[in-house]
Structure formats: structure tokens, C-alpha cells
C-alpha atoms as a PDB file:
ATOM      1  CA  MET A   1      22.826  32.768  -9.508  1.00  0.00           C
ATOM      2  CA  LYS A   2      23.185  29.294 -10.921  1.00  0.00           C
ATOM      3  CA  ARG A   3      25.786  27.192  -9.182  1.00  0.00           C
ATOM      4  CA  LYS A   4      28.413  25.595 -11.403  1.00  0.00           C
ATOM      5  CA  PHE A   5      29.087  21.959 -10.659  1.00  0.00           C
ATOM      6  CA  THR A   6      32.732  21.053 -10.294  1.00  0.00           C
ATOM      7  CA  ALA A   7      34.209  17.691 -11.282  1.00  0.00           C
ATOM      8  CA  PHE A   8      34.142  16.635  -7.633  1.00  0.00           C
ATOM      9  CA  ASP A   9      30.429  17.526  -7.367  1.00  0.00           C
ATOM     10  CA  LYS A  10      29.676  15.447 -10.450  1.00  0.00           C
ATOM     11  CA  VAL A  11      31.577  12.475  -9.028  1.00  0.00           C
ATOM     12  CA  ILE A  12      29.631  12.692  -5.739  1.00  0.00           C
ATOM     13  CA  ILE A  13      26.301  12.950  -7.568  1.00  0.00           C
ATOM     14  CA  ALA A  14      27.186  10.010  -9.817  1.00  0.00           C
ATOM     15  CA  PHE A  15      28.239   7.924  -6.809  1.00  0.00           C
ATOM     16  CA  ALA A  16      25.042   8.795  -4.932  1.00  0.00           C
ATOM     17  CA  ALA A  17      22.924   7.940  -7.976  1.00  0.00           C
ATOM     18  CA  PHE A  18      24.717   4.616  -8.365  1.00  0.00           C
ATOM     19  CA  PHE A  19      24.376   3.901  -4.639  1.00  0.00           C
ATOM     20  CA  PHE A  20      20.586   4.335  -4.753  1.00  0.00           C
ATOM     21  CA  ILE A  21      19.750   3.128  -8.262  1.00  0.00           C
ATOM     22  CA  ALA A  22      22.008   0.071  -8.598  1.00  0.00           C
ATOM     23  CA  PRO A  23      20.273  -1.937  -5.813  1.00  0.00           C
ATOM     24  CA  LEU A  24      16.873  -1.138  -7.335  1.00  0.00           C
ATOM     25  CA  ILE A  25      17.973  -2.306 -10.762  1.00  0.00           C
ATOM     26  CA  ALA A  26      19.444  -5.473  -9.253  1.00  0.00           C
ATOM     27  CA  ALA A  27      16.248  -6.166  -7.297  1.00  0.00           C
ATOM     28  CA  ALA A  28      14.084  -5.549 -10.378  1.00  0.00           C
ATOM     29  CA  GLU A  29      16.243  -7.901 -12.452  1.00  0.00           C
ATOM     30  CA  TYR A  30      16.119 -10.598  -9.779  1.00  0.00           C
ATOM     31  CA  SER A  31      12.351 -10.297  -9.374  1.00  0.00           C
ATOM     32  CA  ALA A  32      11.851 -10.774 -13.134  1.00  0.00           C
ATOM     33  CA  ARG A  33      13.760 -14.063 -13.274  1.00  0.00           C
ATOM     34  CA  GLY A  34      11.933 -17.223 -14.211  1.00  0.00           C
ATOM     35  CA  TYR A  35      12.012 -20.310 -12.050  1.00  0.00           C
ATOM     36  CA  GLY A  36      15.396 -21.977 -12.197  1.00  0.00           C
ATOM     37  CA  ASP A  37      16.893 -18.662 -13.352  1.00  0.00           C
ATOM     38  CA  LYS A  38      15.654 -19.415 -16.853  1.00  0.00           C
ATOM     39  CA  GLY A  39      15.069 -16.164 -18.714  1.00  0.00           C
ATOM     40  CA  HIS A  40      13.060 -13.181 -17.515  1.00  0.00           C
ATOM     41  CA  THR A  41       9.326 -12.834 -17.181  1.00  0.00           C
ATOM     42  CA  PHE A  42       6.662 -10.650 -15.559  1.00  0.00           C
ATOM     43  CA  ALA A  43       4.950 -13.692 -14.068  1.00  0.00           C
ATOM     44  CA  ASN A  44       6.127 -12.769 -10.576  1.00  0.00           C
ATOM     45  CA  TYR A  45       4.396  -9.396 -10.867  1.00  0.00           C
ATOM     46  CA  SER A  46       1.167 -10.885 -12.172  1.00  0.00           C
ATOM     47  CA  TRP A  47       1.418 -13.384  -9.322  1.00  0.00           C
ATOM     48  CA  ILE A  48       1.053 -10.493  -6.851  1.00  0.00           C
ATOM     49  CA  VAL A  49      -2.286  -9.361  -8.261  1.00  0.00           C
ATOM     50  CA  HIS A  50      -3.762 -12.857  -8.260  1.00  0.00           C
ATOM     51  CA  GLN A  51      -2.962 -13.575  -4.619  1.00  0.00           C
ATOM     52  CA  LEU A  52      -5.908 -13.810  -2.252  1.00  0.00           C
ATOM     53  CA  GLY A  53      -6.497 -10.616  -0.274  1.00  0.00           C
ATOM     54  CA  PHE A  54      -4.323  -8.346  -2.432  1.00  0.00           C
ATOM     55  CA  SER A  55      -6.971  -5.737  -3.287  1.00  0.00           C
ATOM     56  CA  PRO A  56      -8.552  -5.451   0.195  1.00  0.00           C
ATOM     57  CA  ALA A  57      -5.151  -5.144   1.876  1.00  0.00           C
ATOM     58  CA  LEU A  58      -3.878  -2.538  -0.610  1.00  0.00           C
ATOM     59  CA  LEU A  59      -7.060  -0.471  -0.463  1.00  0.00           C
ATOM     60  CA  THR A  60      -6.999  -0.550   3.336  1.00  0.00           C
ATOM     61  CA  SER A  61      -3.403   0.713   3.452  1.00  0.00           C
ATOM     62  CA  LEU A  62      -4.089   3.424   0.853  1.00  0.00           C
ATOM     63  CA  ARG A  63      -7.147   4.589   2.781  1.00  0.00           C
ATOM     64  CA  ILE A  64      -5.154   4.680   6.034  1.00  0.00           C
ATOM     65  CA  ALA A  65      -2.303   6.540   4.308  1.00  0.00           C
ATOM     66  CA  ALA A  66      -4.655   9.178   2.882  1.00  0.00           C
ATOM     67  CA  ILE A  67      -6.281   9.848   6.252  1.00  0.00           C
ATOM     68  CA  THR A  68      -2.890   9.901   7.990  1.00  0.00           C
ATOM     69  CA  ILE A  69      -1.540  12.452   5.502  1.00  0.00           C
ATOM     70  CA  LEU A  70      -4.573  14.679   6.038  1.00  0.00           C
ATOM     71  CA  ILE A  71      -4.252  14.540   9.840  1.00  0.00           C
ATOM     72  CA  VAL A  72      -0.495  15.151   9.737  1.00  0.00           C
ATOM     73  CA  LEU A  73      -0.782  18.211   7.504  1.00  0.00           C
ATOM     74  CA  VAL A  74      -3.693  19.710   9.462  1.00  0.00           C
ATOM     75  CA  LEU A  75      -1.907  19.133  12.766  1.00  0.00           C
ATOM     76  CA  MET A  76       1.747  19.828  11.990  1.00  0.00           C
ATOM     77  CA  VAL A  77       1.753  22.685   9.454  1.00  0.00           C
ATOM     78  CA  PRO A  78      -0.138  25.214  11.673  1.00  0.00           C
ATOM     79  CA  THR A  79       1.851  24.060  14.716  1.00  0.00           C
ATOM     80  CA  VAL A  80       5.263  24.563  13.107  1.00  0.00           C
ATOM     81  CA  VAL A  81       4.165  27.901  11.602  1.00  0.00           C
ATOM     82  CA  TYR A  82       3.007  29.086  15.021  1.00  0.00           C
ATOM     83  CA  VAL A  83       6.308  28.042  16.581  1.00  0.00           C
ATOM     84  CA  HIS A  84       8.214  30.087  13.991  1.00  0.00           C
ATOM     85  CA  LEU A  85       5.988  33.158  14.282  1.00  0.00           C
ATOM     86  CA  GLY A  86       4.826  33.810  17.820  1.00  0.00           C
ATOM     87  CA  GLY A  87       5.464  30.676  19.823  1.00  0.00           C
ATOM     88  CA  ARG A  88       9.246  30.571  19.962  1.00  0.00           C
ATOM     89  CA  ARG A  89       9.138  30.073  23.709  1.00  0.00           C
ATOM     90  CA  TYR A  90       7.368  26.760  23.066  1.00  0.00           C
ATOM     91  CA  ARG A  91       9.873  25.633  20.437  1.00  0.00           C
ATOM     92  CA  ARG A  92      11.881  23.400  22.779  1.00  0.00           C
ATOM     93  CA  LEU A  93       8.719  21.807  24.169  1.00  0.00           C
ATOM     94  CA  VAL A  94       7.336  21.094  20.687  1.00  0.00           C
ATOM     95  CA  GLU A  95      10.659  19.603  19.573  1.00  0.00           C
ATOM     96  CA  ILE A  96      10.758  17.294  22.590  1.00  0.00           C
ATOM     97  CA  LEU A  97       7.179  16.143  22.053  1.00  0.00           C
ATOM     98  CA  CYS A  98       7.810  15.506  18.349  1.00  0.00           C
ATOM     99  CA  LEU A  99      11.005  13.556  19.043  1.00  0.00           C
ATOM    100  CA  LEU A 100       9.471  11.331  21.729  1.00  0.00           C
ATOM    101  CA  PRO A 101       8.143   8.739  19.210  1.00  0.00           C
ATOM    102  CA  ILE A 102      11.757   7.960  18.259  1.00  0.00           C
ATOM    103  CA  VAL A 103      12.570   7.134  21.882  1.00  0.00           C
ATOM    104  CA  ILE A 104       9.359   5.268  22.753  1.00  0.00           C
ATOM    105  CA  PRO A 105       9.350   1.698  21.363  1.00  0.00           C
ATOM    106  CA  VAL A 106       6.583   0.910  18.907  1.00  0.00           C
ATOM    107  CA  VAL A 107       5.535  -2.060  21.047  1.00  0.00           C
ATOM    108  CA  SER A 108       4.901   0.210  24.026  1.00  0.00           C
ATOM    109  CA  LEU A 109       3.014   2.638  21.814  1.00  0.00           C
ATOM    110  CA  ALA A 110       0.753  -0.084  20.449  1.00  0.00           C
ATOM    111  CA  ILE A 111       0.003  -1.725  23.785  1.00  0.00           C
ATOM    112  CA  GLY A 112      -0.164   1.400  25.939  1.00  0.00           C
ATOM    113  CA  ALA A 113      -1.886   3.938  23.714  1.00  0.00           C
ATOM    114  CA  GLN A 114      -4.294   1.468  22.158  1.00  0.00           C
ATOM    115  CA  VAL A 115      -6.457   1.350  25.270  1.00  0.00           C
ATOM    116  CA  ALA A 116      -6.731   5.159  25.247  1.00  0.00           C
ATOM    117  CA  MET A 117      -8.464   5.142  21.882  1.00  0.00           C
ATOM    118  CA  PRO A 118     -12.263   5.523  21.727  1.00  0.00           C
ATOM    119  CA  LYS A 119     -14.125   2.237  21.716  1.00  0.00           C
ATOM    120  CA  SER A 120     -15.518   2.997  18.264  1.00  0.00           C
ATOM    121  CA  LEU A 121     -11.981   3.137  16.816  1.00  0.00           C
ATOM    122  CA  GLN A 122     -10.432   0.183  18.619  1.00  0.00           C
ATOM    123  CA  SER A 123     -12.178  -2.321  16.390  1.00  0.00           C
ATOM    124  CA  THR A 124     -11.418  -0.582  13.078  1.00  0.00           C
ATOM    125  CA  SER A 125      -8.254  -0.144  11.019  1.00  0.00           C
ATOM    126  CA  TYR A 126      -8.692   3.653  11.236  1.00  0.00           C
ATOM    127  CA  GLU A 127      -7.092   3.383  14.658  1.00  0.00           C
ATOM    128  CA  LEU A 128      -3.785   2.927  12.857  1.00  0.00           C
ATOM    129  CA  CYS A 129      -4.046   6.425  11.338  1.00  0.00           C
ATOM    130  CA  PHE A 130      -3.461   8.072  14.708  1.00  0.00           C
ATOM    131  CA  PHE A 131      -0.554   5.774  15.538  1.00  0.00           C
ATOM    132  CA  TYR A 132       1.044   6.515  12.181  1.00  0.00           C
ATOM    133  CA  VAL A 133       0.625  10.245  12.833  1.00  0.00           C
ATOM    134  CA  VAL A 134       2.589   9.862  16.058  1.00  0.00           C
ATOM    135  CA  VAL A 135       5.312   7.769  14.401  1.00  0.00           C
ATOM    136  CA  ALA A 136       5.656  10.236  11.505  1.00  0.00           C
ATOM    137  CA  MET A 137       5.818  13.365  13.692  1.00  0.00           C
ATOM    138  CA  PRO A 138       9.615  13.498  14.199  1.00  0.00           C
ATOM    139  CA  TYR A 139      10.323  13.361  10.474  1.00  0.00           C
ATOM    140  CA  VAL A 140       7.473  15.648   9.451  1.00  0.00           C
ATOM    141  CA  TYR A 141       8.378  18.263  12.058  1.00  0.00           C
ATOM    142  CA  ARG A 142      12.026  18.372  11.023  1.00  0.00           C
ATOM    143  CA  THR A 143      11.123  18.576   7.327  1.00  0.00           C
ATOM    144  CA  LEU A 144       8.671  21.450   7.820  1.00  0.00           C
ATOM    145  CA  ASP A 145      10.984  23.213  10.259  1.00  0.00           C
ATOM    146  CA  ILE A 146      13.819  23.280   7.725  1.00  0.00           C
ATOM    147  CA  GLY A 147      11.457  24.515   5.019  1.00  0.00           C
ATOM    148  CA  LEU A 148      10.165  27.391   7.142  1.00  0.00           C
ATOM    149  CA  GLN A 149      13.687  28.417   8.124  1.00  0.00           C
ATOM    150  CA  SER A 150      14.522  28.889   4.439  1.00  0.00           C
ATOM    151  CA  VAL A 151      11.796  31.504   3.790  1.00  0.00           C
ATOM    152  CA  ALA A 152      11.106  34.982   5.171  1.00  0.00           C
ATOM    153  CA  LEU A 153       7.997  33.814   7.013  1.00  0.00           C
ATOM    154  CA  SER A 154       7.254  37.028   8.907  1.00  0.00           C
ATOM    155  CA  THR A 155       7.509  39.091   5.728  1.00  0.00           C
ATOM    156  CA  LEU A 156       5.191  36.765   3.836  1.00  0.00           C
ATOM    157  CA  VAL A 157       2.591  36.810   6.611  1.00  0.00           C
ATOM    158  CA  GLU A 158       2.696  40.600   6.981  1.00  0.00           C
ATOM    159  CA  ALA A 159       2.385  41.107   3.225  1.00  0.00           C
ATOM    160  CA  SER A 160      -0.532  38.695   3.017  1.00  0.00           C
ATOM    161  CA  GLN A 161      -2.403  40.266   5.903  1.00  0.00           C
ATOM    162  CA  SER A 162      -1.791  43.781   4.579  1.00  0.00           C
ATOM    163  CA  LEU A 163      -3.603  42.702   1.406  1.00  0.00           C
ATOM    164  CA  GLY A 164      -6.617  41.623   3.463  1.00  0.00           C
ATOM    165  CA  ALA A 165      -6.073  37.869   3.678  1.00  0.00           C
ATOM    166  CA  ASP A 166      -7.149  36.070   6.830  1.00  0.00           C
ATOM    167  CA  TRP A 167      -5.043  33.405   8.558  1.00  0.00           C
ATOM    168  CA  PHE A 168      -6.582  30.511   6.618  1.00  0.00           C
ATOM    169  CA  LYS A 169      -5.862  32.103   3.239  1.00  0.00           C
ATOM    170  CA  THR A 170      -2.404  33.110   4.379  1.00  0.00           C
ATOM    171  CA  LEU A 171      -1.653  29.553   5.419  1.00  0.00           C
ATOM    172  CA  THR A 172      -3.102  27.801   2.373  1.00  0.00           C
ATOM    173  CA  MET A 173      -2.279  30.299  -0.372  1.00  0.00           C
ATOM    174  CA  VAL A 174       0.992  31.863   0.822  1.00  0.00           C
ATOM    175  CA  ILE A 175       2.863  29.763   3.377  1.00  0.00           C
ATOM    176  CA  ILE A 176       2.217  26.258   2.038  1.00  0.00           C
ATOM    177  CA  PRO A 177       3.125  27.199  -1.580  1.00  0.00           C
ATOM    178  CA  ALA A 178       6.285  28.881  -0.261  1.00  0.00           C
ATOM    179  CA  ILE A 179       7.406  25.643   1.405  1.00  0.00           C
ATOM    180  CA  ARG A 180       5.991  23.335  -1.261  1.00  0.00           C
ATOM    181  CA  SER A 181       9.108  21.174  -1.412  1.00  0.00           C
ATOM    182  CA  SER A 182       9.094  20.632   2.362  1.00  0.00           C
ATOM    183  CA  THR A 183       5.360  19.927   2.369  1.00  0.00           C
ATOM    184  CA  THR A 184       5.801  17.430  -0.452  1.00  0.00           C
ATOM    185  CA  GLY A 185       8.644  15.774   1.442  1.00  0.00           C
ATOM    186  CA  ALA A 186       6.539  15.505   4.596  1.00  0.00           C
ATOM    187  CA  LEU A 187       3.675  14.092   2.563  1.00  0.00           C
ATOM    188  CA  PHE A 188       5.924  11.501   0.936  1.00  0.00           C
ATOM    189  CA  ILE A 189       7.460  10.447   4.258  1.00  0.00           C
ATOM    190  CA  THR A 190       4.026   9.992   5.795  1.00  0.00           C
ATOM    191  CA  PHE A 191       2.744   8.073   2.776  1.00  0.00           C
ATOM    192  CA  ALA A 192       5.754   5.742   2.699  1.00  0.00           C
ATOM    193  CA  LEU A 193       5.564   5.137   6.444  1.00  0.00           C
ATOM    194  CA  SER A 194       1.822   4.451   6.385  1.00  0.00           C
ATOM    195  CA  LEU A 195       2.137   2.096   3.427  1.00  0.00           C
ATOM    196  CA  GLY A 196       5.104   0.165   4.809  1.00  0.00           C
ATOM    197  CA  GLU A 197       4.674   0.121   8.594  1.00  0.00           C
ATOM    198  CA  TYR A 198       4.366  -3.487   9.749  1.00  0.00           C
ATOM    199  CA  THR A 199       4.910  -3.677  13.508  1.00  0.00           C
ATOM    200  CA  LEU A 200       1.882  -1.684  14.645  1.00  0.00           C
ATOM    201  CA  ALA A 201      -0.440  -3.430  12.207  1.00  0.00           C
ATOM    202  CA  VAL A 202       0.615  -6.929  13.232  1.00  0.00           C
ATOM    203  CA  LEU A 203       0.600  -6.142  16.968  1.00  0.00           C
ATOM    204  CA  LEU A 204      -2.938  -4.756  16.743  1.00  0.00           C
ATOM    205  CA  HIS A 205      -4.054  -7.602  14.424  1.00  0.00           C
ATOM    206  CA  PHE A 206      -5.080  -5.493  11.440  1.00  0.00           C
ATOM    207  CA  HIS A 207      -4.877  -6.786   7.884  1.00  0.00           C
ATOM    208  CA  THR A 208      -2.917  -4.194   5.913  1.00  0.00           C
ATOM    209  CA  PHE A 209      -0.671  -4.387   2.867  1.00  0.00           C
ATOM    210  CA  PRO A 210       2.573  -4.997   4.846  1.00  0.00           C
ATOM    211  CA  THR A 211       1.032  -7.861   6.834  1.00  0.00           C
ATOM    212  CA  TRP A 212      -0.435  -9.343   3.654  1.00  0.00           C
ATOM    213  CA  ALA A 213       2.929  -9.021   1.868  1.00  0.00           C
ATOM    214  CA  THR A 214       4.721 -10.751   4.743  1.00  0.00           C
ATOM    215  CA  ASN A 215       2.338 -13.691   4.623  1.00  0.00           C
ATOM    216  CA  VAL A 216       2.358 -14.253   0.858  1.00  0.00           C
ATOM    217  CA  SER A 217       6.115 -13.642   0.529  1.00  0.00           C
ATOM    218  CA  GLN A 218       6.769 -16.939   2.270  1.00  0.00           C
ATOM    219  CA  GLN A 219       5.350 -18.761  -0.750  1.00  0.00           C
ATOM    220  CA  ASN A 220       7.488 -17.198  -3.495  1.00  0.00           C
ATOM    221  CA  ILE A 221      10.961 -15.678  -3.067  1.00  0.00           C
ATOM    222  CA  TYR A 222      10.880 -14.005  -6.479  1.00  0.00           C
ATOM    223  CA  GLY A 223       7.392 -12.714  -5.743  1.00  0.00           C
ATOM    224  CA  SER A 224       8.540 -11.224  -2.435  1.00  0.00           C
ATOM    225  CA  ILE A 225      11.205  -9.173  -4.225  1.00  0.00           C
ATOM    226  CA  ALA A 226       8.631  -8.182  -6.844  1.00  0.00           C
ATOM    227  CA  ILE A 227       6.362  -6.910  -4.060  1.00  0.00           C
ATOM    228  CA  SER A 228       9.214  -4.795  -2.646  1.00  0.00           C
ATOM    229  CA  VAL A 229      10.069  -3.341  -6.057  1.00  0.00           C
ATOM    230  CA  THR A 230       6.411  -2.609  -6.815  1.00  0.00           C
ATOM    231  CA  THR A 231       5.856  -0.929  -3.454  1.00  0.00           C
ATOM    232  CA  LEU A 232       8.955   1.252  -3.776  1.00  0.00           C
ATOM    233  CA  GLY A 233       8.180   2.101  -7.390  1.00  0.00           C
ATOM    234  CA  GLY A 234       4.603   2.990  -6.510  1.00  0.00           C
ATOM    235  CA  ALA A 235       5.775   5.299  -3.732  1.00  0.00           C
ATOM    236  CA  TRP A 236       8.156   7.086  -6.111  1.00  0.00           C
ATOM    237  CA  ILE A 237       5.441   7.452  -8.756  1.00  0.00           C
ATOM    238  CA  PHE A 238       3.153   8.934  -6.106  1.00  0.00           C
ATOM    239  CA  LEU A 239       5.863  11.439  -5.124  1.00  0.00           C
ATOM    240  CA  ILE A 240       6.491  12.438  -8.748  1.00  0.00           C
ATOM    241  CA  VAL A 241       2.776  12.948  -9.399  1.00  0.00           C
ATOM    242  CA  ILE A 242       2.387  15.102  -6.273  1.00  0.00           C
ATOM    243  CA  ALA A 243       5.471  17.139  -7.174  1.00  0.00           C
ATOM    244  CA  PHE A 244       4.265  17.841 -10.732  1.00  0.00           C
ATOM    245  CA  ILE A 245       0.613  18.657  -9.937  1.00  0.00           C
ATOM    246  CA  PRO A 246       1.356  22.382  -9.228  1.00  0.00           C
ATOM    247  CA  ARG A 247       3.348  22.656 -12.464  1.00  0.00           C
ATOM    248  CA  ILE A 248       0.561  21.040 -14.453  1.00  0.00           C
ATOM    249  CA  LYS A 249      -1.968  23.453 -12.913  1.00  0.00           C
ATOM    250  CA  SER A 250       0.209  26.459 -13.740  1.00  0.00           C
ATOM    251  CA  LEU A 251       0.669  25.181 -17.306  1.00  0.00           C
ATOM    252  CA  PHE A 252      -3.098  24.887 -17.794  1.00  0.00           C
ATOM    253  CA  ALA A 253      -3.590  28.348 -16.265  1.00  0.00           C
ATOM    254  CA  GLN A 254      -1.059  29.834 -18.694  1.00  0.00           C
ATOM    255  CA  ARG A 255      -2.792  28.209 -21.636  1.00  0.00           C
ATOM    256  CA  LYS A 256      -6.145  29.602 -20.513  1.00  0.00           C
ATOM    257  CA  ARG A 257      -4.683  33.096 -20.254  1.00  0.00           C
ATOM    258  CA  VAL A 258      -3.150  32.784 -23.714  1.00  0.00           C
ATOM    259  CA  ALA A 259      -6.426  31.492 -25.157  1.00  0.00           C
END
């Protein structure tokens, strides 16, 4: 049944929308100001692209984010599904392990765990992928855990296996689509964290987009705000695209069936 929104619900939604959107609009307006607050221009945004090292830093962060997302999904989705199905006795242990990164300072993680990495990874930026996986675990675990609690997981698995599907097909074609919103949320959290994490990158002396943005932002205050707005806007566009991909696929499939 569709829930009817009361006047109080509408007020809360409007306040929440204003709380999140108003600062973004203000930041976008400020970043588009000309020097001396004379008019508005997109020069500050074009300034970003023409700065030295922009493309290499952005491509490095995007590559790290993509690998981090892949590792997180491969590691966390089967783990959380197992905890909900047959590993309930390990639930408390898994929760503690996933919450540890919140307690452990990032400085200790960078200095202590860095020496445990293989020598072949210690000199490459791909080392950051594994650190970002650890940092993202608390948020990804909680997101997936809530999603799995909202579906009849045992029923879905039994129905899938009774139709002859193996565990891989059950996971990829039944469970993940059933918790698509939670999976998308976990993906977005990991992407945003990987694209914006600064401390680990600077401590380990890697040149990523956040470290590049910190360096060039000291030259142009309007440009620094433009970088923040662009980064946040790009993350939201990425989330929207990921969220609408399944709908676009289903729309094309319907058209094929009609044709």
C-alpha cells in the first residue's frame, strides 16, 4: 500500500531538502563568482582542467576507486550473505572485525599495515585500494546488513536452488538484485571514500586527486570551491547513472520483446 504523506512529513522532507541543497547552491554560486565579486563566470571551472597534473591525478583516483569497489563487493557481499544464512554464530565476530577500522586511527593503519603489503604493491598506488577496502568496511557491512534484513533471504535461496541454480547464479541473479538499493549504496559509499580520502594518500606519498586538489587549492580560493562542487556533483552523477542502469536495461528488454 502506498503511504500517504502528512503535512508534518512534507515539512520534514522540505527541511531536509533545504538542509542538503542550500549549501550546495551557495557553494556553486560562490565558485562561479568573478574576481572581485564582479559577475559570474565558469572560468574557475575551466581553471581546474588546465592545472598541471589534473588528468593523471583524476585517472589515478578513478582507477583506484574502481578496483576498490570490485574488491569490496567480492569480499563483503558473500560474507554478509553467509552470516545471514548459515554463519550466525560468527555474526558478532564479523561485526567486530568490520567496526575495527572506525576505532583504529588512519595514521596507525597507514604506518603499521603498509609494511605488511607485498613488495610489488608498496611502490604503486594500487596499495591504496586495500587500505580503502578496510576503511570502507564498517559502512559497507552495515549497508548490506540492513538490506539483507529487509528481504526473505532463506526463501529466495531455497527457491533459486530448487530451480537448479548454483550458488554463483543465486548470488548474482537473485540476491544482489533483491538488495539492489543496498548494493548501490555500498558502491556509492566506497566510490566517494576512494575519490575523497586524503590522509592515507598523503601519508604514503601517493599523488591522487585529493592530494592534487589540496595543492592547487592554495592558489585560487574560488577554484578550490569549484573543485569541491565538481567532485560532489560528479559523485552524485555517478550514483544516478548506477541507479538507473538496471531500469534502462529493463526498458530495452521490454522494447525487444514488443518488437
